[in-house]
Amino acid sequence: MKNLQTISTAFGMAFLTWAGIVTADEVTKEGYAIDSNRNLIKNSYNECLKAGHWTPAMAIFECDPGLVKKEEPPKAEIAPPPVESSPSLVAAPEEPVFVPITLQAEKLFDFNQSVIRPDGQKVLAGEVVSKLRTIPESEVIVTGHADRIGSDAYNMGLSQRRADAVKAYLVEQGIESHRIQTVAKGETDPVVSCKNVKGESSSRNRVLVECLRPNRRVVVEVKGQEQVHK
């Protein structure tokens, strides 16, 4: 029996030496009985003697290897695969936005007239002709609008005459005729309705005439003018 215990003790010591267990001074032994040299006190079965306050958290590998958590080697970080650029994700160049030039009819014409006033010619020269001269290949669309006072046919005709008058002035200033297109909208594309204005729908109703002012306009669109990006 004694020989068996001796063999068991020798085997246990050899195993611990082979496993590379750290020395007694390199571990915390507060949960176990130790001698004056800080060596673990073991019984005849090579089992460590535990102190009365021992808890599993105080376990050390030499005495209770099954209670000691093994440290796992750090996992190597795997870099994410590179994101391949997709043609659908590539930002497309922004298309230019061409800002139309809106001119109130009163700046160009007398009320209910289609002959451009001298000060109206100055407006066209400063706001339209100057741009067209700097962009020779540009195309121009001149659209005439009228208010709802009068018949539909009359307003369509008036808006066309005003668009034609603007085109004629631009041609006089050296803008090629084939670059200019005229469009008449009459009263079909109003900016304001003025339905709350009382009284008859005629030029004698000055409140209505003033309210409908934004509808009387000429819009000049230049394809190729100064660009404002979205």
C-alpha atoms as a PDB file:
ATOM      1  CA  MET A   1       0.000   0.000   0.000  1.00  0.00           C
ATOM      2  CA  LYS A   2       2.838   2.319   0.935  1.00  0.00           C
ATOM      3  CA  ASN A   3       4.605   1.544  -2.319  1.00  0.00           C
ATOM      4  CA  LEU A   4       1.446   2.314  -4.230  1.00  0.00           C
ATOM      5  CA  GLN A   5       1.160   5.680  -2.547  1.00  0.00           C
ATOM      6  CA  THR A   6       4.827   6.374  -3.291  1.00  0.00           C
ATOM      7  CA  ILE A   7       4.330   5.516  -6.957  1.00  0.00           C
ATOM      8  CA  SER A   8       1.208   7.690  -7.126  1.00  0.00           C
ATOM      9  CA  THR A   9       3.050  10.599  -5.559  1.00  0.00           C
ATOM     10  CA  ALA A  10       5.991  10.239  -7.924  1.00  0.00           C
ATOM     11  CA  PHE A  11       3.667  10.040 -10.935  1.00  0.00           C
ATOM     12  CA  GLY A  12       1.831  13.160  -9.822  1.00  0.00           C
ATOM     13  CA  MET A  13       5.036  15.109  -9.389  1.00  0.00           C
ATOM     14  CA  ALA A  14       6.318  14.005 -12.784  1.00  0.00           C
ATOM     15  CA  PHE A  15       3.054  15.034 -14.446  1.00  0.00           C
ATOM     16  CA  LEU A  16       3.197  18.482 -12.892  1.00  0.00           C
ATOM     17  CA  THR A  17       6.791  18.908 -13.973  1.00  0.00           C
ATOM     18  CA  TRP A  18       5.940  17.826 -17.515  1.00  0.00           C
ATOM     19  CA  ALA A  19       3.003  20.213 -17.745  1.00  0.00           C
ATOM     20  CA  GLY A  20       5.234  23.189 -16.962  1.00  0.00           C
ATOM     21  CA  ILE A  21       3.244  24.323 -13.960  1.00  0.00           C
ATOM     22  CA  VAL A  22       4.515  27.577 -12.518  1.00  0.00           C
ATOM     23  CA  THR A  23       6.387  27.533  -9.216  1.00  0.00           C
ATOM     24  CA  ALA A  24       4.574  27.958  -5.911  1.00  0.00           C
ATOM     25  CA  ASP A  25       5.824  31.488  -5.522  1.00  0.00           C
ATOM     26  CA  GLU A  26       4.284  32.525  -8.869  1.00  0.00           C
ATOM     27  CA  VAL A  27       0.690  31.641  -8.018  1.00  0.00           C
ATOM     28  CA  THR A  28      -1.755  32.699  -5.392  1.00  0.00           C
ATOM     29  CA  LYS A  29      -2.115  30.045  -2.715  1.00  0.00           C
ATOM     30  CA  GLU A  30      -4.338  31.912  -0.294  1.00  0.00           C
ATOM     31  CA  GLY A  31      -6.979  29.223  -0.474  1.00  0.00           C
ATOM     32  CA  TYR A  32      -4.612  26.382   0.407  1.00  0.00           C
ATOM     33  CA  ALA A  33      -2.486  25.308   3.380  1.00  0.00           C
ATOM     34  CA  ILE A  34       1.212  26.177   3.003  1.00  0.00           C
ATOM     35  CA  ASP A  35       4.292  25.597   5.156  1.00  0.00           C
ATOM     36  CA  SER A  36       6.837  28.163   6.348  1.00  0.00           C
ATOM     37  CA  ASN A  37       8.578  28.021   2.960  1.00  0.00           C
ATOM     38  CA  ARG A  38       5.308  28.773   1.181  1.00  0.00           C
ATOM     39  CA  ASN A  39       5.139  25.250  -0.178  1.00  0.00           C
ATOM     40  CA  LEU A  40       1.749  23.622  -0.575  1.00  0.00           C
ATOM     41  CA  ILE A  41       0.911  21.074   2.063  1.00  0.00           C
ATOM     42  CA  LYS A  42      -0.464  17.880   0.565  1.00  0.00           C
ATOM     43  CA  ASN A  43      -1.838  14.677   1.968  1.00  0.00           C
ATOM     44  CA  SER A  44      -0.582  11.188   1.257  1.00  0.00           C
ATOM     45  CA  TYR A  45      -2.666  11.124  -1.947  1.00  0.00           C
ATOM     46  CA  ASN A  46      -0.853  14.223  -3.244  1.00  0.00           C
ATOM     47  CA  GLU A  47      -3.970  16.311  -2.747  1.00  0.00           C
ATOM     48  CA  CYS A  48      -3.623  19.913  -1.657  1.00  0.00           C
ATOM     49  CA  LEU A  49      -5.072  20.749   1.704  1.00  0.00           C
ATOM     50  CA  LYS A  50      -7.644  23.535   1.398  1.00  0.00           C
ATOM     51  CA  ALA A  51      -8.022  26.363   3.906  1.00  0.00           C
ATOM     52  CA  GLY A  52     -11.348  26.824   5.636  1.00  0.00           C
ATOM     53  CA  HIS A  53     -12.154  29.915   3.560  1.00  0.00           C
ATOM     54  CA  TRP A  54     -11.366  28.222   0.222  1.00  0.00           C
ATOM     55  CA  THR A  55     -13.735  28.885  -2.697  1.00  0.00           C
ATOM     56  CA  PRO A  56     -13.608  27.625  -6.296  1.00  0.00           C
ATOM     57  CA  ALA A  57     -12.458  31.077  -7.375  1.00  0.00           C
ATOM     58  CA  MET A  58      -9.208  30.457  -5.427  1.00  0.00           C
ATOM     59  CA  ALA A  59      -8.433  27.254  -7.317  1.00  0.00           C
ATOM     60  CA  ILE A  60      -4.951  26.892  -8.821  1.00  0.00           C
ATOM     61  CA  PHE A  61      -3.884  24.514 -11.529  1.00  0.00           C
ATOM     62  CA  GLU A  62      -1.501  22.514  -9.360  1.00  0.00           C
ATOM     63  CA  CYS A  63      -4.225  21.555  -6.935  1.00  0.00           C
ATOM     64  CA  ASP A  64      -7.496  21.776  -8.843  1.00  0.00           C
ATOM     65  CA  PRO A  65      -6.759  21.873 -12.585  1.00  0.00           C
ATOM     66  CA  GLY A  66     -10.382  21.138 -13.458  1.00  0.00           C
ATOM     67  CA  LEU A  67     -11.537  24.389 -11.806  1.00  0.00           C
ATOM     68  CA  VAL A  68      -9.003  26.661 -13.485  1.00  0.00           C
ATOM     69  CA  LYS A  69     -10.167  28.329 -16.692  1.00  0.00           C
ATOM     70  CA  LYS A  70      -7.749  27.931 -19.518  1.00  0.00           C
ATOM     71  CA  GLU A  71      -6.918  31.125 -21.357  1.00  0.00           C
ATOM     72  CA  GLU A  72      -7.845  30.872 -24.995  1.00  0.00           C
ATOM     73  CA  PRO A  73      -5.325  32.265 -27.478  1.00  0.00           C
ATOM     74  CA  PRO A  74      -6.512  35.523 -29.023  1.00  0.00           C
ATOM     75  CA  LYS A  75      -8.331  35.038 -32.256  1.00  0.00           C
ATOM     76  CA  ALA A  76      -6.704  36.552 -35.277  1.00  0.00           C
ATOM     77  CA  GLU A  77      -8.711  39.441 -36.670  1.00  0.00           C
ATOM     78  CA  ILE A  78      -9.977  38.739 -40.136  1.00  0.00           C
ATOM     79  CA  ALA A  79     -10.009  41.788 -42.341  1.00  0.00           C
ATOM     80  CA  PRO A  80     -13.318  42.297 -44.161  1.00  0.00           C
ATOM     81  CA  PRO A  81     -13.187  41.650 -47.898  1.00  0.00           C
ATOM     82  CA  PRO A  82     -12.662  44.756 -49.991  1.00  0.00           C
ATOM     83  CA  VAL A  83     -15.842  46.305 -51.315  1.00  0.00           C
ATOM     84  CA  GLU A  84     -15.874  46.204 -55.034  1.00  0.00           C
ATOM     85  CA  SER A  85     -17.113  49.330 -56.656  1.00  0.00           C
ATOM     86  CA  SER A  86     -20.246  48.810 -58.650  1.00  0.00           C
ATOM     87  CA  PRO A  87     -21.124  50.948 -61.652  1.00  0.00           C
ATOM     88  CA  SER A  88     -24.537  51.551 -60.076  1.00  0.00           C
ATOM     89  CA  LEU A  89     -22.905  52.949 -56.924  1.00  0.00           C
ATOM     90  CA  VAL A  90     -20.623  55.400 -58.697  1.00  0.00           C
ATOM     91  CA  ALA A  91     -22.020  58.886 -58.401  1.00  0.00           C
ATOM     92  CA  ALA A  92     -23.046  60.138 -61.776  1.00  0.00           C
ATOM     93  CA  PRO A  93     -22.105  63.680 -62.698  1.00  0.00           C
ATOM     94  CA  GLU A  94     -24.854  66.094 -61.864  1.00  0.00           C
ATOM     95  CA  GLU A  95     -26.833  67.392 -64.767  1.00  0.00           C
ATOM     96  CA  PRO A  96     -26.984  71.158 -65.034  1.00  0.00           C
ATOM     97  CA  VAL A  97     -30.198  72.949 -64.234  1.00  0.00           C
ATOM     98  CA  PHE A  98     -30.970  75.811 -66.574  1.00  0.00           C
ATOM     99  CA  VAL A  99     -32.759  78.583 -64.753  1.00  0.00           C
ATOM    100  CA  PRO A 100     -35.383  80.340 -66.881  1.00  0.00           C
ATOM    101  CA  ILE A 101     -35.574  84.124 -66.888  1.00  0.00           C
ATOM    102  CA  THR A 102     -39.055  85.344 -65.975  1.00  0.00           C
ATOM    103  CA  LEU A 103     -39.883  88.919 -66.958  1.00  0.00           C
ATOM    104  CA  GLN A 104     -43.115  90.568 -65.861  1.00  0.00           C
ATOM    105  CA  ALA A 105     -45.078  91.881 -68.829  1.00  0.00           C
ATOM    106  CA  GLU A 106     -45.346  95.335 -67.255  1.00  0.00           C
ATOM    107  CA  LYS A 107     -41.556  95.641 -67.466  1.00  0.00           C
ATOM    108  CA  LEU A 108     -41.717  95.174 -71.224  1.00  0.00           C
ATOM    109  CA  PHE A 109     -45.154  96.316 -72.385  1.00  0.00           C
ATOM    110  CA  ASP A 110     -47.921  98.731 -71.535  1.00  0.00           C
ATOM    111  CA  PHE A 111     -51.096  97.092 -70.254  1.00  0.00           C
ATOM    112  CA  ASN A 112     -52.856  95.091 -72.964  1.00  0.00           C
ATOM    113  CA  GLN A 113     -50.144  95.997 -75.512  1.00  0.00           C
ATOM    114  CA  SER A 114     -47.485  93.995 -77.379  1.00  0.00           C
ATOM    115  CA  VAL A 115     -45.025  96.740 -78.359  1.00  0.00           C
ATOM    116  CA  ILE A 116     -41.874  96.683 -76.228  1.00  0.00           C
ATOM    117  CA  ARG A 117     -41.283  99.924 -74.357  1.00  0.00           C
ATOM    118  CA  PRO A 118     -37.820 101.574 -74.394  1.00  0.00           C
ATOM    119  CA  ASP A 119     -37.220 100.678 -70.754  1.00  0.00           C
ATOM    120  CA  GLY A 120     -38.403  97.140 -71.570  1.00  0.00           C
ATOM    121  CA  GLN A 121     -35.724  96.919 -74.233  1.00  0.00           C
ATOM    122  CA  LYS A 122     -33.130  97.804 -71.599  1.00  0.00           C
ATOM    123  CA  VAL A 123     -34.417  94.952 -69.435  1.00  0.00           C
ATOM    124  CA  LEU A 124     -34.089  92.477 -72.311  1.00  0.00           C
ATOM    125  CA  ALA A 125     -30.618  93.770 -73.183  1.00  0.00           C
ATOM    126  CA  GLY A 126     -29.358  93.427 -69.639  1.00  0.00           C
ATOM    127  CA  GLU A 127     -30.969  90.126 -68.660  1.00  0.00           C
ATOM    128  CA  VAL A 128     -31.203  88.165 -71.927  1.00  0.00           C
ATOM    129  CA  VAL A 129     -29.094  89.541 -74.773  1.00  0.00           C
ATOM    130  CA  SER A 130     -25.936  89.752 -72.641  1.00  0.00           C
ATOM    131  CA  LYS A 131     -26.216  86.048 -71.812  1.00  0.00           C
ATOM    132  CA  LEU A 132     -26.940  84.960 -75.374  1.00  0.00           C
ATOM    133  CA  ARG A 133     -23.889  86.798 -76.697  1.00  0.00           C
ATOM    134  CA  THR A 134     -21.590  84.926 -74.321  1.00  0.00           C
ATOM    135  CA  ILE A 135     -23.041  81.528 -75.308  1.00  0.00           C
ATOM    136  CA  PRO A 136     -23.239  81.545 -79.126  1.00  0.00           C
ATOM    137  CA  GLU A 137     -24.545  77.968 -79.451  1.00  0.00           C
ATOM    138  CA  SER A 138     -27.450  78.422 -77.055  1.00  0.00           C
ATOM    139  CA  GLU A 139     -31.081  77.921 -77.995  1.00  0.00           C
ATOM    140  CA  VAL A 140     -33.878  80.165 -76.748  1.00  0.00           C
ATOM    141  CA  ILE A 141     -37.546  79.508 -75.997  1.00  0.00           C
ATOM    142  CA  VAL A 142     -39.700  82.613 -75.471  1.00  0.00           C
ATOM    143  CA  THR A 143     -43.088  81.853 -73.878  1.00  0.00           C
ATOM    144  CA  GLY A 144     -45.825  84.468 -73.578  1.00  0.00           C
ATOM    145  CA  HIS A 145     -48.466  84.336 -70.819  1.00  0.00           C
ATOM    146  CA  ALA A 146     -51.620  86.385 -70.196  1.00  0.00           C
ATOM    147  CA  ASP A 147     -54.109  86.790 -67.360  1.00  0.00           C
ATOM    148  CA  ARG A 148     -57.760  85.605 -67.519  1.00  0.00           C
ATOM    149  CA  ILE A 149     -59.292  89.002 -68.223  1.00  0.00           C
ATOM    150  CA  GLY A 150     -60.795  88.793 -71.727  1.00  0.00           C
ATOM    151  CA  SER A 151     -61.640  85.798 -73.922  1.00  0.00           C
ATOM    152  CA  ASP A 152     -59.443  82.733 -74.247  1.00  0.00           C
ATOM    153  CA  ALA A 153     -58.755  83.443 -77.913  1.00  0.00           C
ATOM    154  CA  TYR A 154     -57.804  87.066 -77.259  1.00  0.00           C
ATOM    155  CA  ASN A 155     -55.427  86.159 -74.443  1.00  0.00           C
ATOM    156  CA  MET A 156     -53.798  83.443 -76.556  1.00  0.00           C
ATOM    157  CA  GLY A 157     -53.254  85.935 -79.360  1.00  0.00           C
ATOM    158  CA  LEU A 158     -51.884  88.608 -76.999  1.00  0.00           C
ATOM    159  CA  SER A 159     -49.396  86.185 -75.431  1.00  0.00           C
ATOM    160  CA  GLN A 160     -48.239  85.105 -78.904  1.00  0.00           C
ATOM    161  CA  ARG A 161     -47.767  88.709 -80.086  1.00  0.00           C
ATOM    162  CA  ARG A 162     -45.696  89.515 -77.005  1.00  0.00           C
ATOM    163  CA  ALA A 163     -43.495  86.421 -77.481  1.00  0.00           C
ATOM    164  CA  ASP A 164     -43.018  87.390 -81.149  1.00  0.00           C
ATOM    165  CA  ALA A 165     -42.107  90.959 -80.144  1.00  0.00           C
ATOM    166  CA  VAL A 166     -39.394  89.692 -77.795  1.00  0.00           C
ATOM    167  CA  LYS A 167     -38.021  87.428 -80.547  1.00  0.00           C
ATOM    168  CA  ALA A 168     -37.956  90.323 -83.008  1.00  0.00           C
ATOM    169  CA  TYR A 169     -35.997  92.453 -80.541  1.00  0.00           C
ATOM    170  CA  LEU A 170     -33.457  89.671 -79.935  1.00  0.00           C
ATOM    171  CA  VAL A 171     -32.956  89.264 -83.683  1.00  0.00           C
ATOM    172  CA  GLU A 172     -32.372  93.037 -83.975  1.00  0.00           C
ATOM    173  CA  GLN A 173     -29.625  92.617 -81.380  1.00  0.00           C
ATOM    174  CA  GLY A 174     -27.826  90.049 -83.532  1.00  0.00           C
ATOM    175  CA  ILE A 175     -29.261  86.808 -82.148  1.00  0.00           C
ATOM    176  CA  GLU A 176     -29.899  84.372 -85.027  1.00  0.00           C
ATOM    177  CA  SER A 177     -33.605  83.831 -85.691  1.00  0.00           C
ATOM    178  CA  HIS A 178     -33.271  80.064 -86.022  1.00  0.00           C
ATOM    179  CA  ARG A 179     -32.065  79.875 -82.413  1.00  0.00           C
ATOM    180  CA  ILE A 180     -35.294  81.390 -81.064  1.00  0.00           C
ATOM    181  CA  GLN A 181     -38.601  79.564 -80.647  1.00  0.00           C
ATOM    182  CA  THR A 182     -41.800  81.272 -79.488  1.00  0.00           C
ATOM    183  CA  VAL A 183     -44.660  79.671 -77.546  1.00  0.00           C
ATOM    184  CA  ALA A 184     -48.047  81.132 -76.530  1.00  0.00           C
ATOM    185  CA  LYS A 185     -49.757  79.894 -73.369  1.00  0.00           C
ATOM    186  CA  GLY A 186     -52.487  82.530 -73.054  1.00  0.00           C
ATOM    187  CA  GLU A 187     -54.198  82.210 -69.674  1.00  0.00           C
ATOM    188  CA  THR A 188     -53.651  78.424 -69.428  1.00  0.00           C
ATOM    189  CA  ASP A 189     -50.702  78.477 -67.016  1.00  0.00           C
ATOM    190  CA  PRO A 190     -51.537  80.996 -64.261  1.00  0.00           C
ATOM    191  CA  VAL A 191     -49.309  81.693 -61.276  1.00  0.00           C
ATOM    192  CA  VAL A 192     -52.143  83.087 -59.129  1.00  0.00           C
ATOM    193  CA  SER A 193     -55.941  82.575 -59.313  1.00  0.00           C
ATOM    194  CA  CYS A 194     -57.293  85.640 -57.433  1.00  0.00           C
ATOM    195  CA  LYS A 195     -60.604  83.869 -56.929  1.00  0.00           C
ATOM    196  CA  ASN A 196     -61.159  85.816 -53.725  1.00  0.00           C
ATOM    197  CA  VAL A 197     -61.295  89.151 -55.594  1.00  0.00           C
ATOM    198  CA  LYS A 198     -64.863  90.358 -55.937  1.00  0.00           C
ATOM    199  CA  GLY A 199     -66.337  92.201 -58.906  1.00  0.00           C
ATOM    200  CA  GLU A 200     -66.459  91.726 -62.661  1.00  0.00           C
ATOM    201  CA  SER A 201     -63.602  90.123 -64.589  1.00  0.00           C
ATOM    202  CA  SER A 202     -62.635  93.137 -66.680  1.00  0.00           C
ATOM    203  CA  SER A 203     -59.887  95.731 -66.984  1.00  0.00           C
ATOM    204  CA  ARG A 204     -62.131  98.143 -65.062  1.00  0.00           C
ATOM    205  CA  ASN A 205     -61.698  96.023 -61.912  1.00  0.00           C
ATOM    206  CA  ARG A 206     -58.382  97.530 -60.803  1.00  0.00           C
ATOM    207  CA  VAL A 207     -58.095  95.241 -57.788  1.00  0.00           C
ATOM    208  CA  LEU A 208     -58.348  92.185 -60.036  1.00  0.00           C
ATOM    209  CA  VAL A 209     -55.930  93.662 -62.583  1.00  0.00           C
ATOM    210  CA  GLU A 210     -53.331  94.199 -59.870  1.00  0.00           C
ATOM    211  CA  CYS A 211     -53.896  90.785 -58.323  1.00  0.00           C
ATOM    212  CA  LEU A 212     -53.411  89.031 -61.677  1.00  0.00           C
ATOM    213  CA  ARG A 213     -50.130  90.859 -62.378  1.00  0.00           C
ATOM    214  CA  PRO A 214     -47.877  87.732 -61.867  1.00  0.00           C
ATOM    215  CA  ASN A 215     -49.798  85.916 -64.632  1.00  0.00           C
ATOM    216  CA  ARG A 216     -48.884  88.543 -67.229  1.00  0.00           C
ATOM    217  CA  ARG A 217     -45.315  87.543 -68.012  1.00  0.00           C
ATOM    218  CA  VAL A 218     -42.786  86.465 -70.603  1.00  0.00           C
ATOM    219  CA  VAL A 219     -40.486  83.554 -69.758  1.00  0.00           C
ATOM    220  CA  VAL A 220     -37.181  83.199 -71.600  1.00  0.00           C
ATOM    221  CA  GLU A 221     -35.444  79.816 -71.351  1.00  0.00           C
ATOM    222  CA  VAL A 222     -31.861  79.626 -72.557  1.00  0.00           C
ATOM    223  CA  LYS A 223     -30.403  76.168 -73.131  1.00  0.00           C
ATOM    224  CA  GLY A 224     -26.743  76.754 -72.397  1.00  0.00           C
ATOM    225  CA  GLN A 225     -26.923  79.740 -70.053  1.00  0.00           C
ATOM    226  CA  GLU A 226     -25.215  79.998 -66.676  1.00  0.00           C
ATOM    227  CA  GLN A 227     -25.560  76.689 -64.889  1.00  0.00           C
ATOM    228  CA  VAL A 228     -26.832  76.183 -61.368  1.00  0.00           C
ATOM    229  CA  HIS A 229     -26.041  72.642 -60.131  1.00  0.00           C
ATOM    230  CA  LYS A 230     -28.487  70.668 -58.003  1.00  0.00           C
END
